């Protein structure tokens, strides 16, 4: 053992005494937008593999004060169709998906983080100008037979 290392000595627990430590679980829960439409009272989470249904319920009720009616979980198999530079199959890790049904008539709806902005007249006119310009350039390249002949002559002269 290192000479300078000390162990933290915590005082004995006494009811009503000050809380010296904070419990932070080694779990993660990520709210995921579901691919398939679900009822309004159901929220989909991607959780760590070690979490049980009881852990998920306690995590939401105790930390976030969210009433939970039911918890359903499943394990999603990771994709196995990628190959690395040695042509070996590379498997993505499995992950656990939890479907939490909220209690007491509560609903959850994902917020719209990136709403469509209305373009002002200046940017709209610039976009229109750019589109027209690109269209004219494409027509010039396609429609001018001399350009095509010049390109062919250049290619033939190189060889």
Protein backbone atom coordinates (compact mmCIF):
# COMPACT_ATOMS: atom_id res chain seq x y z
CA UNK A 1 0.00 0.00 0.00
CA UNK A 2 1.08 3.53 -0.67
CA UNK A 3 2.30 5.41 2.36
CA UNK A 4 0.33 8.57 1.56
CA UNK A 5 -3.03 6.90 0.83
CA UNK A 6 -5.70 7.34 3.49
CA UNK A 7 -9.11 5.83 3.78
CA UNK A 8 -12.00 8.21 4.29
CA UNK A 9 -13.58 7.62 7.65
CA UNK A 10 -17.24 8.51 7.74
CA UNK A 11 -18.98 9.21 11.04
CA UNK A 12 -21.61 6.78 12.26
CA UNK A 13 -25.08 7.26 10.80
CA UNK A 14 -27.45 8.98 13.19
CA UNK A 15 -31.08 9.50 12.31
CA UNK A 16 -31.72 13.16 11.48
CA UNK A 17 -28.01 13.91 11.11
CA UNK A 18 -26.57 15.66 8.04
CA UNK A 19 -26.31 13.67 4.84
CA UNK A 20 -22.64 13.45 3.90
CA UNK A 21 -22.81 11.36 0.74
CA UNK A 22 -24.83 11.59 -2.44
CA UNK A 23 -25.93 8.37 -4.13
CA UNK A 24 -25.44 8.54 -7.87
CA UNK A 25 -26.35 5.31 -9.62
CA UNK A 26 -24.09 3.95 -12.31
CA UNK A 27 -27.05 3.70 -14.70
CA UNK A 28 -28.12 5.71 -17.71
CA UNK A 29 -31.55 6.29 -19.21
CA UNK A 30 -31.99 7.99 -22.57
CA UNK A 31 -35.44 8.94 -23.82
CA UNK A 32 -35.72 7.74 -27.42
CA UNK A 33 -38.20 8.84 -30.04
CA UNK A 34 -40.10 5.63 -30.93
CA UNK A 35 -39.99 4.36 -34.50
CA UNK A 36 -43.54 3.00 -34.27
CA UNK A 37 -46.38 5.21 -32.97
CA UNK A 38 -47.18 4.47 -29.33
CA UNK A 39 -49.86 5.57 -26.88
CA UNK A 40 -49.45 9.04 -25.40
CA UNK A 41 -48.85 7.67 -21.90
CA UNK A 42 -45.93 5.44 -22.98
CA UNK A 43 -42.31 6.62 -23.12
CA UNK A 44 -39.48 4.62 -24.70
CA UNK A 45 -36.03 4.64 -23.05
CA UNK A 46 -32.69 3.10 -23.90
CA UNK A 47 -31.29 1.91 -20.57
CA UNK A 48 -28.16 0.16 -19.35
CA UNK A 49 -28.20 -3.63 -19.56
CA UNK A 50 -27.85 -4.06 -15.79
CA UNK A 51 -31.07 -2.18 -14.95
CA UNK A 52 -34.07 -4.22 -13.89
CA UNK A 53 -37.72 -3.19 -14.14
CA UNK A 54 -37.68 -2.28 -10.45
CA UNK A 55 -34.55 -0.15 -10.93
CA UNK A 56 -36.22 1.74 -13.80
CA UNK A 57 -39.37 2.36 -11.75
CA UNK A 58 -37.40 3.57 -8.72
CA UNK A 59 -35.10 5.73 -10.87
CA UNK A 60 -38.04 7.62 -12.39
CA UNK A 61 -40.18 7.82 -9.26
CA UNK A 62 -37.49 8.77 -6.74
CA UNK A 63 -35.18 11.00 -8.79
CA UNK A 64 -37.62 12.65 -11.23
CA UNK A 65 -40.89 12.27 -9.26
CA UNK A 66 -42.64 10.70 -12.26
CA UNK A 67 -45.49 8.31 -11.40
CA UNK A 68 -45.02 4.98 -13.19
CA UNK A 69 -47.87 2.55 -13.85
CA UNK A 70 -45.97 -0.24 -15.65
CA UNK A 71 -42.53 -1.04 -17.04
CA UNK A 72 -41.83 -3.42 -19.93
CA UNK A 73 -38.32 -4.20 -21.17
CA UNK A 74 -36.72 -6.02 -24.05
CA UNK A 75 -33.16 -6.57 -25.23
CA UNK A 76 -32.40 -5.32 -28.75
CA UNK A 77 -29.86 -7.43 -30.59
CA UNK A 78 -27.05 -5.33 -32.08
CA UNK A 79 -26.54 -5.31 -35.85
CA UNK A 80 -24.04 -7.85 -37.18
CA UNK A 81 -23.79 -6.82 -40.83
CA UNK A 82 -20.73 -4.52 -40.80
CA UNK A 83 -17.25 -5.71 -41.71
CA UNK A 84 -13.89 -4.20 -40.80
CA UNK A 85 -10.74 -3.76 -42.90
CA UNK A 86 -9.91 -7.47 -42.46
CA UNK A 87 -13.38 -8.49 -43.69
CA UNK A 88 -14.28 -9.72 -40.21
CA UNK A 89 -17.80 -9.22 -38.97
CA UNK A 90 -18.14 -6.40 -36.45
CA UNK A 91 -21.14 -6.62 -34.12
CA UNK A 92 -22.67 -3.58 -32.49
CA UNK A 93 -23.38 -4.11 -28.79
CA UNK A 94 -26.81 -5.20 -27.61
CA UNK A 95 -28.88 -2.72 -25.64
CA UNK A 96 -31.96 -2.79 -23.45
CA UNK A 97 -35.12 -0.89 -24.36
CA UNK A 98 -37.67 0.03 -21.67
CA UNK A 99 -41.27 1.01 -22.32
CA UNK A 100 -42.58 3.00 -19.36
CA UNK A 101 -46.30 3.55 -18.99
CA UNK A 102 -46.96 6.74 -17.04
CA UNK A 103 -49.54 6.76 -14.28
CA UNK A 104 -52.43 9.02 -13.25
CA UNK A 105 -53.45 10.13 -16.74
CA UNK A 106 -50.09 11.74 -17.55
CA UNK A 107 -48.94 12.01 -21.15
CA UNK A 108 -45.57 12.61 -22.76
CA UNK A 109 -44.86 14.19 -26.12
CA UNK A 110 -41.42 14.81 -27.57
CA UNK A 111 -40.63 18.51 -27.91
CA UNK A 112 -39.92 19.88 -31.36
CA UNK A 113 -36.27 20.88 -30.90
CA UNK A 114 -35.71 22.07 -34.46
CA UNK A 115 -38.83 23.85 -35.73
CA UNK A 116 -38.94 24.94 -39.34
CA UNK A 117 -37.98 28.58 -39.56
CA UNK A 118 -39.73 30.90 -41.94
CA UNK A 119 -37.26 32.32 -44.42
CA UNK A 120 -37.12 36.05 -44.76
CA UNK A 121 -37.45 37.63 -48.21
CA UNK A 122 -33.71 38.16 -48.63
CA UNK A 123 -32.66 34.52 -48.15
CA UNK A 124 -35.61 33.31 -50.21
CA UNK A 125 -34.61 35.55 -53.13
CA UNK A 126 -30.99 34.36 -52.84
CA UNK A 127 -32.10 30.72 -52.93
CA UNK A 128 -34.25 31.41 -56.00
CA UNK A 129 -31.35 33.16 -57.73
CA UNK A 130 -28.98 30.29 -56.94
CA UNK A 131 -31.43 27.69 -58.24
CA UNK A 132 -31.96 29.60 -61.50
CA UNK A 133 -28.22 30.07 -61.98
CA UNK A 134 -27.48 26.36 -61.43
CA UNK A 135 -30.24 25.41 -63.85
CA UNK A 136 -28.81 27.71 -66.55
CA UNK A 137 -25.33 26.26 -66.07
CA UNK A 138 -26.63 22.71 -66.47
CA UNK A 139 -28.48 23.67 -69.63
CA UNK A 140 -25.33 25.29 -71.03
CA UNK A 141 -23.29 22.13 -70.51
CA UNK A 142 -25.95 19.81 -71.89
CA UNK A 143 -27.16 21.90 -74.81
CA UNK A 144 -23.91 23.12 -76.45
CA UNK A 145 -22.68 20.42 -78.89
CA UNK A 146 -19.40 22.28 -79.49
CA UNK A 147 -18.48 21.87 -75.84
CA UNK A 148 -18.98 18.13 -76.08
CA UNK A 149 -16.83 18.00 -79.24
CA UNK A 150 -14.07 20.05 -77.61
CA UNK A 151 -14.03 17.69 -74.64
CA UNK A 152 -13.81 14.68 -76.95
CA UNK A 153 -10.98 16.27 -78.98
CA UNK A 154 -9.04 17.02 -75.81
CA UNK A 155 -9.42 13.43 -74.67
CA UNK A 156 -8.37 12.06 -78.09
CA UNK A 157 -5.32 14.35 -78.34
CA UNK A 158 -4.02 13.18 -74.95
CA UNK A 159 -3.63 9.58 -76.14
